[in-house]
C-alpha atoms as a PDB file:
ATOM      1  CA  MET A   1       0.125   0.167  -0.076  1.00  0.00           C
ATOM      2  CA  LYS A   2       0.798   3.611  -0.631  1.00  0.00           C
ATOM      3  CA  THR A   3       1.965   5.599   2.193  1.00  0.00           C
ATOM      4  CA  SER A   4      -0.420   8.738   0.536  1.00  0.00           C
ATOM      5  CA  SER A   5      -3.403   5.650   0.206  1.00  0.00           C
ATOM      6  CA  PRO A   6      -5.229   3.837   3.145  1.00  0.00           C
ATOM      7  CA  HIS A   7      -7.647   1.406   0.751  1.00  0.00           C
ATOM      8  CA  TYR A   8      -6.215  -2.483   0.605  1.00  0.00           C
ATOM      9  CA  LEU A   9      -8.040  -5.379   0.778  1.00  0.00           C
ATOM     10  CA  PRO A  10      -8.060  -6.458   4.795  1.00  0.00           C
ATOM     11  CA  PHE A  11      -7.968 -10.182   3.938  1.00  0.00           C
ATOM     12  CA  ALA A  12      -5.231 -12.739   3.166  1.00  0.00           C
ATOM     13  CA  LYS A  13      -5.662 -14.188  -0.596  1.00  0.00           C
ATOM     14  CA  PRO A  14      -6.871 -17.553   1.147  1.00  0.00           C
ATOM     15  CA  PHE A  15      -9.189 -16.263   2.999  1.00  0.00           C
ATOM     16  CA  LEU A  16     -10.700 -13.450   0.198  1.00  0.00           C
ATOM     17  CA  PHE A  17     -10.304 -16.506  -2.525  1.00  0.00           C
ATOM     18  CA  VAL A  18     -13.291 -18.583   0.021  1.00  0.00           C
ATOM     19  CA  LEU A  19     -15.799 -15.092   0.343  1.00  0.00           C
ATOM     20  CA  LEU A  20     -15.978 -15.337  -3.489  1.00  0.00           C
ATOM     21  CA  LEU A  21     -15.927 -18.803  -3.552  1.00  0.00           C
ATOM     22  CA  ILE A  22     -18.986 -18.638  -1.061  1.00  0.00           C
ATOM     23  CA  VAL A  23     -20.429 -15.292  -3.318  1.00  0.00           C
ATOM     24  CA  VAL A  24     -20.430 -17.792  -6.594  1.00  0.00           C
ATOM     25  CA  PHE A  25     -22.455 -21.021  -4.097  1.00  0.00           C
ATOM     26  CA  ILE A  26     -24.825 -18.049  -3.213  1.00  0.00           C
ATOM     27  CA  ILE A  27     -25.305 -16.548  -6.814  1.00  0.00           C
ATOM     28  CA  VAL A  28     -25.550 -20.527  -7.739  1.00  0.00           C
ATOM     29  CA  LEU A  29     -28.840 -21.261  -4.852  1.00  0.00           C
ATOM     30  CA  ILE A  30     -30.195 -17.795  -6.004  1.00  0.00           C
ATOM     31  CA  GLN A  31     -29.926 -18.753  -9.942  1.00  0.00           C
ATOM     32  CA  VAL A  32     -31.675 -22.166  -9.078  1.00  0.00           C
ATOM     33  CA  LYS A  33     -34.661 -20.306  -6.732  1.00  0.00           C
ATOM     34  CA  LEU A  34     -33.208 -21.957  -3.186  1.00  0.00           C
ATOM     35  CA  ILE A  35     -33.216 -19.248  -1.458  1.00  0.00           C
ATOM     36  CA  GLY A  36     -34.332 -15.792  -3.813  1.00  0.00           C
ATOM     37  CA  TYR A  37     -37.270 -16.518  -1.130  1.00  0.00           C
ATOM     38  CA  ALA A  38     -35.483 -15.666   1.750  1.00  0.00           C
ATOM     39  CA  TYR A  39     -33.886 -12.797   0.530  1.00  0.00           C
ATOM     40  CA  GLU A  40     -36.899 -11.604  -0.475  1.00  0.00           C
ATOM     41  CA  LYS A  41     -38.385 -12.498   3.834  1.00  0.00           C
ATOM     42  CA  VAL A  42     -35.824  -9.684   4.727  1.00  0.00           C
ATOM     43  CA  GLY A  43     -37.157  -7.259   1.637  1.00  0.00           C
ATOM     44  CA  ILE A  44     -34.180  -7.544  -0.942  1.00  0.00           C
ATOM     45  CA  ASN A  45     -35.108  -8.496  -4.337  1.00  0.00           C
ATOM     46  CA  GLN A  46     -33.258 -11.723  -5.543  1.00  0.00           C
ATOM     47  CA  HIS A  47     -32.840  -9.528  -8.571  1.00  0.00           C
ATOM     48  CA  TYR A  48     -30.281  -7.524  -6.219  1.00  0.00           C
ATOM     49  CA  VAL A  49     -28.486  -9.884  -4.437  1.00  0.00           C
ATOM     50  CA  PHE A  50     -26.086 -10.681  -6.873  1.00  0.00           C
ATOM     51  CA  ALA A  51     -24.539  -6.737  -7.281  1.00  0.00           C
ATOM     52  CA  LEU A  52     -25.247  -6.364  -3.349  1.00  0.00           C
ATOM     53  CA  LEU A  53     -22.846  -9.176  -2.233  1.00  0.00           C
ATOM     54  CA  LEU A  54     -20.231  -7.605  -4.510  1.00  0.00           C
ATOM     55  CA  LEU A  55     -20.477  -4.490  -3.801  1.00  0.00           C
ATOM     56  CA  SER A  56     -20.069  -5.500  -0.243  1.00  0.00           C
ATOM     57  CA  LEU A  57     -16.644  -7.872  -1.445  1.00  0.00           C
ATOM     58  CA  PHE A  58     -14.967  -5.157  -2.901  1.00  0.00           C
ATOM     59  CA  GLY A  59     -16.412  -2.519  -0.645  1.00  0.00           C
ATOM     60  CA  SER A  60     -13.847  -3.928   1.733  1.00  0.00           C
ATOM     61  CA  TYR A  61     -11.077  -2.099  -0.143  1.00  0.00           C
ATOM     62  CA  VAL A  62     -12.368   1.169   0.158  1.00  0.00           C
ATOM     63  CA  ASN A  63     -11.634   2.779   3.394  1.00  0.00           C
ATOM     64  CA  ILE A  64     -12.950   7.037   4.233  1.00  0.00           C
ATOM     65  CA  PRO A  65     -10.690   8.557   5.980  1.00  0.00           C
ATOM     66  CA  ILE A  66     -12.282  11.091   8.537  1.00  0.00           C
ATOM     67  CA  ALA A  67      -9.048  11.445  11.225  1.00  0.00           C
ATOM     68  CA  GLU A  68      -6.123  10.936  12.069  1.00  0.00           C
ATOM     69  CA  LEU A  69      -3.913   9.970  15.471  1.00  0.00           C
ATOM     70  CA  PRO A  70      -0.303  10.198  16.235  1.00  0.00           C
ATOM     71  CA  ALA A  71       1.202   7.281  16.540  1.00  0.00           C
ATOM     72  CA  LYS A  72       4.474   6.353  17.633  1.00  0.00           C
ATOM     73  CA  ARG A  73       4.966   3.283  16.392  1.00  0.00           C
ATOM     74  CA  ILE A  74       3.213   1.776  13.094  1.00  0.00           C
ATOM     75  CA  ILE A  75       3.466  -1.990  12.610  1.00  0.00           C
ATOM     76  CA  SER A  76       3.425  -2.831   8.882  1.00  0.00           C
ATOM     77  CA  ASN A  77       4.191  -5.862   6.514  1.00  0.00           C
ATOM     78  CA  GLN A  78       2.419  -8.194   8.104  1.00  0.00           C
ATOM     79  CA  GLU A  79      -0.259 -11.197   8.898  1.00  0.00           C
ATOM     80  CA  VAL A  80      -2.110 -11.987  11.731  1.00  0.00           C
ATOM     81  CA  THR A  81      -4.394 -14.801  11.854  1.00  0.00           C
ATOM     82  CA  PHE A  82      -7.722 -14.562  14.546  1.00  0.00           C
ATOM     83  CA  TYR A  83      -9.279 -17.975  15.094  1.00  0.00           C
ATOM     84  CA  GLY A  84      -8.299 -18.780  11.636  1.00  0.00           C
ATOM     85  CA  VAL A  85      -8.961 -16.242   9.809  1.00  0.00           C
ATOM     86  CA  ARG A  86      -5.364 -14.460   8.254  1.00  0.00           C
ATOM     87  CA  TYR A  87      -5.712 -10.558   7.896  1.00  0.00           C
ATOM     88  CA  VAL A  88      -3.396  -8.190   5.717  1.00  0.00           C
ATOM     89  CA  ILE A  89      -1.384  -5.486   8.152  1.00  0.00           C
ATOM     90  CA  PRO A  90      -0.548  -3.325   4.607  1.00  0.00           C
ATOM     91  CA  ARG A  91       2.971  -2.153   4.357  1.00  0.00           C
ATOM     92  CA  VAL A  92       3.305   1.125   5.009  1.00  0.00           C
ATOM     93  CA  GLN A  93       7.022   3.815   5.216  1.00  0.00           C
ATOM     94  CA  GLU A  94       7.056   7.176   6.948  1.00  0.00           C
ATOM     95  CA  TRP A  95       3.887   6.583   8.242  1.00  0.00           C
ATOM     96  CA  GLN A  96       3.632   7.961  12.064  1.00  0.00           C
ATOM     97  CA  LYS A  97       0.096   7.993  12.496  1.00  0.00           C
ATOM     98  CA  THR A  98      -2.991   6.155  12.608  1.00  0.00           C
ATOM     99  CA  VAL A  99      -5.272   6.677   9.995  1.00  0.00           C
ATOM    100  CA  ILE A 100      -9.265   5.883  11.045  1.00  0.00           C
ATOM    101  CA  ALA A 101     -11.712   5.631   8.542  1.00  0.00           C
ATOM    102  CA  ILE A 102     -15.027   4.038   7.359  1.00  0.00           C
ATOM    103  CA  ASN A 103     -14.938   0.898   5.192  1.00  0.00           C
ATOM    104  CA  LEU A 104     -17.224   0.910   2.359  1.00  0.00           C
ATOM    105  CA  GLY A 105     -18.278  -2.693   2.003  1.00  0.00           C
ATOM    106  CA  GLY A 106     -18.111  -3.255   6.139  1.00  0.00           C
ATOM    107  CA  ALA A 107     -20.142  -0.187   7.592  1.00  0.00           C
ATOM    108  CA  VAL A 108     -21.535   2.339   4.782  1.00  0.00           C
ATOM    109  CA  ILE A 109     -23.575  -0.855   2.331  1.00  0.00           C
ATOM    110  CA  PRO A 110     -24.370  -2.444   6.048  1.00  0.00           C
ATOM    111  CA  ALA A 111     -25.745   0.686   7.417  1.00  0.00           C
ATOM    112  CA  LEU A 112     -28.165   2.036   4.488  1.00  0.00           C
ATOM    113  CA  LEU A 113     -29.289  -1.382   3.738  1.00  0.00           C
ATOM    114  CA  SER A 114     -29.864  -1.994   7.504  1.00  0.00           C
ATOM    115  CA  PHE A 115     -31.314   2.022   7.231  1.00  0.00           C
ATOM    116  CA  TYR A 116     -33.888   0.600   4.387  1.00  0.00           C
ATOM    117  CA  LEU A 117     -34.944  -2.353   6.275  1.00  0.00           C
ATOM    118  CA  LEU A 118     -35.539  -0.958   9.431  1.00  0.00           C
ATOM    119  CA  ILE A 119     -37.981   1.600   8.180  1.00  0.00           C
ATOM    120  CA  LYS A 120     -39.372  -1.112   5.496  1.00  0.00           C
ATOM    121  CA  ASN A 121     -40.384  -3.423   8.283  1.00  0.00           C
ATOM    122  CA  GLY A 122     -41.226  -0.909  10.325  1.00  0.00           C
ATOM    123  CA  ILE A 123     -39.313  -2.919  13.318  1.00  0.00           C
ATOM    124  CA  TYR A 124     -38.090  -0.002  15.026  1.00  0.00           C
ATOM    125  CA  LEU A 125     -38.060  -0.950  19.068  1.00  0.00           C
ATOM    126  CA  GLN A 126     -37.380  -4.727  18.283  1.00  0.00           C
ATOM    127  CA  ALA A 127     -34.233  -3.700  15.948  1.00  0.00           C
ATOM    128  CA  PHE A 128     -33.049  -0.790  18.944  1.00  0.00           C
ATOM    129  CA  ILE A 129     -32.934  -4.291  21.536  1.00  0.00           C
ATOM    130  CA  GLY A 130     -31.706  -6.780  19.559  1.00  0.00           C
ATOM    131  CA  VAL A 131     -28.526  -4.093  17.881  1.00  0.00           C
ATOM    132  CA  ILE A 132     -27.851  -3.049  21.759  1.00  0.00           C
ATOM    133  CA  ILE A 133     -27.686  -7.491  22.967  1.00  0.00           C
ATOM    134  CA  VAL A 134     -25.935  -7.744  20.103  1.00  0.00           C
ATOM    135  CA  ALA A 135     -23.140  -5.176  20.662  1.00  0.00           C
ATOM    136  CA  ILE A 136     -23.187  -6.247  23.838  1.00  0.00           C
ATOM    137  CA  PHE A 137     -21.754  -9.375  22.869  1.00  0.00           C
ATOM    138  CA  VAL A 138     -19.725  -8.953  19.979  1.00  0.00           C
ATOM    139  CA  ARG A 139     -17.828  -5.986  22.722  1.00  0.00           C
ATOM    140  CA  TRP A 140     -17.713  -9.069  24.984  1.00  0.00           C
ATOM    141  CA  LYS A 141     -16.030 -11.132  22.603  1.00  0.00           C
ATOM    142  CA  SER A 142     -13.899  -8.566  20.466  1.00  0.00           C
ATOM    143  CA  LYS A 143     -10.004  -8.390  20.907  1.00  0.00           C
ATOM    144  CA  PRO A 144      -7.868  -6.082  20.162  1.00  0.00           C
ATOM    145  CA  ILE A 145      -5.202  -6.876  17.449  1.00  0.00           C
ATOM    146  CA  PRO A 146      -1.580  -5.012  18.070  1.00  0.00           C
ATOM    147  CA  GLY A 147      -1.754  -3.461  14.214  1.00  0.00           C
ATOM    148  CA  LEU A 148      -4.941  -4.810  12.766  1.00  0.00           C
ATOM    149  CA  GLY A 149      -7.038  -3.113  15.136  1.00  0.00           C
ATOM    150  CA  ILE A 150     -10.255  -4.328  16.699  1.00  0.00           C
ATOM    151  CA  ALA A 151     -11.105  -8.215  16.074  1.00  0.00           C
ATOM    152  CA  THR A 152     -14.682 -10.949  16.510  1.00  0.00           C
ATOM    153  CA  PRO A 153     -14.880 -14.064  16.226  1.00  0.00           C
ATOM    154  CA  ILE A 154     -16.191 -14.982  11.901  1.00  0.00           C
ATOM    155  CA  PHE A 155     -19.046 -16.954  13.640  1.00  0.00           C
ATOM    156  CA  ILE A 156     -20.054 -14.759  16.006  1.00  0.00           C
ATOM    157  CA  PRO A 157     -22.172 -12.032  15.036  1.00  0.00           C
ATOM    158  CA  PRO A 158     -24.687 -13.635  12.235  1.00  0.00           C
ATOM    159  CA  LEU A 159     -24.825 -16.285  15.339  1.00  0.00           C
ATOM    160  CA  ALA A 160     -26.025 -14.103  18.029  1.00  0.00           C
ATOM    161  CA  ALA A 161     -27.889 -12.028  15.659  1.00  0.00           C
ATOM    162  CA  VAL A 162     -30.695 -15.019  14.399  1.00  0.00           C
ATOM    163  CA  ILE A 163     -30.530 -16.201  18.045  1.00  0.00           C
ATOM    164  CA  VAL A 164     -31.704 -12.494  19.423  1.00  0.00           C
ATOM    165  CA  ALA A 165     -33.379 -11.856  16.123  1.00  0.00           C
ATOM    166  CA  LEU A 166     -35.998 -15.511  16.696  1.00  0.00           C
ATOM    167  CA  LEU A 167     -36.306 -14.366  20.163  1.00  0.00           C
ATOM    168  CA  LEU A 168     -37.289 -10.830  19.709  1.00  0.00           C
ATOM    169  CA  SER A 169     -39.961 -11.360  16.423  1.00  0.00           C
ATOM    170  CA  GLU A 170     -40.098 -14.342  15.007  1.00  0.00           C
ATOM    171  CA  SER A 171     -42.254 -13.014  11.802  1.00  0.00           C
ATOM    172  CA  SER A 172     -39.622 -10.637  10.902  1.00  0.00           C
ATOM    173  CA  ALA A 173     -36.363 -12.449  12.103  1.00  0.00           C
ATOM    174  CA  PRO A 174     -35.100 -12.606   8.798  1.00  0.00           C
ATOM    175  CA  ALA A 175     -34.752  -8.427   8.308  1.00  0.00           C
ATOM    176  CA  LEU A 176     -34.370  -8.691  12.394  1.00  0.00           C
ATOM    177  CA  ALA A 177     -31.395 -10.616  12.261  1.00  0.00           C
ATOM    178  CA  TYR A 178     -29.401  -8.757   8.936  1.00  0.00           C
ATOM    179  CA  ILE A 179     -30.416  -5.155  11.391  1.00  0.00           C
ATOM    180  CA  ALA A 180     -29.353  -6.492  14.677  1.00  0.00           C
ATOM    181  CA  GLY A 181     -25.969  -8.356  13.105  1.00  0.00           C
ATOM    182  CA  SER A 182     -24.616  -5.166  10.966  1.00  0.00           C
ATOM    183  CA  LEU A 183     -25.173  -2.692  13.314  1.00  0.00           C
ATOM    184  CA  GLY A 184     -24.605  -4.415  16.589  1.00  0.00           C
ATOM    185  CA  THR A 185     -21.142  -5.641  15.079  1.00  0.00           C
ATOM    186  CA  LEU A 186     -20.367  -2.159  14.049  1.00  0.00           C
ATOM    187  CA  ILE A 187     -20.888  -0.765  17.429  1.00  0.00           C
ATOM    188  CA  GLY A 188     -19.958  -3.379  19.571  1.00  0.00           C
ATOM    189  CA  ALA A 189     -16.690  -3.950  17.740  1.00  0.00           C
ATOM    190  CA  ASP A 190     -15.549  -0.689  16.562  1.00  0.00           C
ATOM    191  CA  LEU A 191     -17.067   2.089  17.959  1.00  0.00           C
ATOM    192  CA  LEU A 192     -16.799   0.852  21.561  1.00  0.00           C
ATOM    193  CA  ASN A 193     -13.705   0.245  20.953  1.00  0.00           C
ATOM    194  CA  LEU A 194     -12.633   3.591  19.820  1.00  0.00           C
ATOM    195  CA  ASP A 195     -10.844   4.363  22.840  1.00  0.00           C
ATOM    196  CA  LYS A 196      -7.907   2.056  22.292  1.00  0.00           C
ATOM    197  CA  ILE A 197      -7.495   2.270  18.482  1.00  0.00           C
ATOM    198  CA  GLN A 198      -4.233   4.523  19.689  1.00  0.00           C
ATOM    199  CA  GLU A 199      -2.252   1.542  21.365  1.00  0.00           C
ATOM    200  CA  LEU A 200      -2.641  -0.813  18.927  1.00  0.00           C
ATOM    201  CA  ASP A 201       0.136   0.807  16.412  1.00  0.00           C
ATOM    202  CA  ALA A 202      -2.678   0.245  13.397  1.00  0.00           C
ATOM    203  CA  PRO A 203      -1.677   2.191  10.211  1.00  0.00           C
ATOM    204  CA  VAL A 204      -5.695   2.354   9.831  1.00  0.00           C
ATOM    205  CA  ALA A 205      -8.017   1.666  11.766  1.00  0.00           C
ATOM    206  CA  SER A 206     -11.363   0.612   9.376  1.00  0.00           C
ATOM    207  CA  ILE A 207     -14.486   1.113  10.874  1.00  0.00           C
ATOM    208  CA  GLY A 208     -16.064  -2.176   8.915  1.00  0.00           C
ATOM    209  CA  GLY A 209     -12.910  -3.402   7.567  1.00  0.00           C
ATOM    210  CA  ALA A 210     -10.736  -6.071   8.442  1.00  0.00           C
ATOM    211  CA  GLY A 211     -11.356  -7.913  11.253  1.00  0.00           C
ATOM    212  CA  THR A 212     -15.236  -6.804  11.627  1.00  0.00           C
ATOM    213  CA  PHE A 213     -15.878  -7.650   7.823  1.00  0.00           C
ATOM    214  CA  ASP A 214     -15.889 -10.843   7.400  1.00  0.00           C
ATOM    215  CA  GLY A 215     -18.776 -11.124  10.100  1.00  0.00           C
ATOM    216  CA  ILE A 216     -20.630  -8.134   9.066  1.00  0.00           C
ATOM    217  CA  PHE A 217     -20.260 -10.054   5.423  1.00  0.00           C
ATOM    218  CA  LEU A 218     -21.224 -13.472   7.198  1.00  0.00           C
ATOM    219  CA  THR A 219     -24.589 -12.194   8.489  1.00  0.00           C
ATOM    220  CA  GLY A 220     -25.783 -11.148   5.232  1.00  0.00           C
ATOM    221  CA  ILE A 221     -25.308 -14.681   4.315  1.00  0.00           C
ATOM    222  CA  LEU A 222     -26.136 -16.624   7.022  1.00  0.00           C
ATOM    223  CA  ALA A 223     -28.426 -14.236   9.407  1.00  0.00           C
ATOM    224  CA  VAL A 224     -30.716 -14.658   6.522  1.00  0.00           C
ATOM    225  CA  LEU A 225     -30.551 -18.700   5.553  1.00  0.00           C
ATOM    226  CA  LEU A 226     -30.650 -19.502   9.343  1.00  0.00           C
ATOM    227  CA  ALA A 227     -33.482 -17.106  10.750  1.00  0.00           C
END
């Protein structure tokens, strides 16, 4: 990564390949009409599912800078393994700062889609409670990783979201699972840990990026299917 750019793919190539395979598998299921109904229950037309999945996946490359923090030292050009997932710490030179950014694929797109589903389904109280519960649980399970940022076990957000959604509203569980899983993860893993960012020596601390993107991405798939 160039020193003037905060953009990079947050995963090592093997795991990125696995995510691409998941997208292809979902596309096949959509084409044979196996899960189109599930996404329509959430409130997403099945014709848009392919575009949303690709936008989220490749949008993980784009980090929108919002602030900078001074850093004593910066860890770069490494790979970190957390619960079996290999994350990439970008290579930087003469970069004595931590850039706080918002990830397009892991924060902007899921947040916009969550608010759309919230308004479309009118589940304001259930969503509020669900987001709080998931945020608390994710905050408990998240872990600061030097050089990377805040990481969360990949299956925690979707599984927590599904359980909470089914308990709160079985009829609206698919949409509620997506909202609670996406917003709850962003709040619990990233926003509630902002005070720790400066201590992690990370070149880029991306909200919805490395460490949380995979959980949010799978929430969009697993939460719907399991709910």
